[in-house]
Protein backbone atom coordinates (compact mmCIF):
# COMPACT_ATOMS: atom_id res chain seq x y z
CA MET A 1 0.00 0.00 0.00
CA LEU A 2 1.34 3.42 -0.99
CA THR A 3 0.63 6.54 1.02
CA PHE A 4 1.29 10.11 0.07
CA THR A 5 1.85 12.83 2.61
CA ASN A 6 -0.06 16.01 1.89
CA TYR A 7 2.23 19.04 2.15
CA ALA A 8 0.04 21.38 0.11
CA HIS A 9 -1.02 23.34 3.19
CA LEU A 10 2.60 24.48 3.65
CA PHE A 11 2.65 26.21 0.28
CA GLN A 12 -0.81 27.75 0.19
CA PRO A 13 -1.74 30.80 2.25
CA SER A 14 -4.18 30.21 5.06
CA LYS A 15 -7.72 31.42 4.43
CA ASN A 16 -7.83 32.75 7.99
CA GLN A 17 -4.82 35.05 7.66
CA LYS A 18 -5.45 38.78 7.58
CA GLU A 19 -3.47 41.18 5.44
CA VAL A 20 -1.47 43.67 7.49
CA ILE A 21 -1.14 47.15 6.06
CA VAL A 22 1.12 49.74 7.68
CA ILE A 23 -0.03 53.33 7.25
CA ASN A 24 1.83 56.45 8.30
CA ALA A 25 -0.51 58.42 10.57
CA LEU A 26 0.64 61.66 8.96
CA ASP A 27 -0.82 60.49 5.64
CA ILE A 28 -4.32 60.06 7.10
CA GLN A 29 -6.84 62.88 6.77
CA THR A 30 -10.35 62.87 8.22
CA VAL A 31 -13.11 65.08 6.86
CA LEU A 32 -16.72 65.58 7.84
CA SER A 33 -19.07 66.63 5.07
CA ASP A 34 -22.74 67.49 4.81
CA ILE A 35 -24.53 65.44 2.15
CA LYS A 36 -27.71 66.52 0.41
CA GLY A 37 -30.22 64.11 -1.13
CA MET A 38 -30.23 61.11 1.21
CA THR A 39 -33.78 60.00 2.02
CA CYS A 40 -33.18 56.81 4.04
CA ASN A 41 -30.57 54.57 5.67
CA GLY A 42 -30.26 52.73 2.36
CA CYS A 43 -28.91 55.94 0.84
CA ALA A 44 -26.28 56.12 3.58
CA SER A 45 -25.28 52.52 2.87
CA HIS A 46 -25.07 53.31 -0.84
CA VAL A 47 -22.64 56.17 -0.18
CA GLU A 48 -20.55 54.04 2.21
CA ASN A 49 -20.31 51.15 -0.27
CA ASP A 50 -19.32 53.38 -3.18
CA VAL A 51 -16.69 55.32 -1.24
CA ASN A 52 -15.26 52.10 0.25
CA LYS A 53 -14.40 50.93 -3.28
CA LEU A 54 -11.75 53.64 -3.52
CA PRO A 55 -8.18 52.72 -2.58
CA GLY A 56 -6.91 54.34 0.60
CA ILE A 57 -10.21 54.63 2.47
CA VAL A 58 -9.44 53.93 6.14
CA SER A 59 -12.88 54.57 7.64
CA ILE A 60 -16.28 55.89 6.63
CA ASN A 61 -19.39 56.58 8.65
CA VAL A 62 -22.41 57.99 6.85
CA SER A 63 -25.43 59.15 8.86
CA TYR A 64 -28.77 59.61 7.12
CA GLU A 65 -30.24 61.24 10.24
CA GLU A 66 -27.49 63.87 10.44
CA ALA A 67 -26.98 64.04 6.64
CA THR A 68 -23.23 63.71 7.12
CA ALA A 69 -20.31 61.55 6.07
CA LYS A 70 -17.13 61.25 8.10
CA VAL A 71 -14.35 59.83 5.94
CA GLY A 72 -10.83 58.88 6.98
CA PHE A 73 -8.50 58.35 4.04
CA ASN A 74 -4.86 57.97 3.09
CA GLN A 75 -4.19 61.13 1.10
CA ILE A 76 -1.26 59.43 -0.64
CA LYS A 77 -3.64 56.92 -2.28
CA VAL A 78 -6.82 58.93 -2.81
CA SER A 79 -7.70 62.61 -2.97
CA LEU A 80 -10.59 64.50 -1.47
CA ALA A 81 -11.63 65.43 -5.01
CA GLN A 82 -11.93 61.72 -5.91
CA ILE A 83 -14.09 61.07 -2.85
CA LYS A 84 -16.34 64.02 -3.73
CA GLU A 85 -16.66 62.75 -7.29
CA VAL A 86 -17.75 59.28 -6.14
CA ILE A 87 -20.37 60.74 -3.78
CA ASN A 88 -21.69 63.07 -6.49
CA HIS A 89 -21.84 60.19 -9.00
CA SER A 90 -23.82 58.18 -6.43
CA GLY A 91 -26.65 60.67 -6.84
CA TYR A 92 -26.00 62.83 -3.77
CA LYS A 93 -24.36 66.22 -3.36
CA ILE A 94 -21.76 67.39 -0.88
CA ARG A 95 -22.95 70.68 0.61
CA ALA A 96 -20.00 71.53 2.85
CA ILE A 97 -16.77 70.05 4.14
CA LYS A 98 -15.81 70.70 7.73
């Protein structure tokens, strides 16, 4: 009887491993903006999902009730203008950035 030892697990990455990304804190910018046109929590989710597709987004919290979006981003990878463009293309308008 022949047996074969399975060593494949040694050469394949584990599915449970997380990718570690090191970010310089000086490269992170956080902005709070007023957003016009959201009518429900689904709208807030839509904005979050679209902005999260951009590279360099560190955090995003969109509130329908307050009509705001707080976005943390790596300004080396994505610009504020790109974030604004994505929100505007989602069907909403940025009124002010604080």
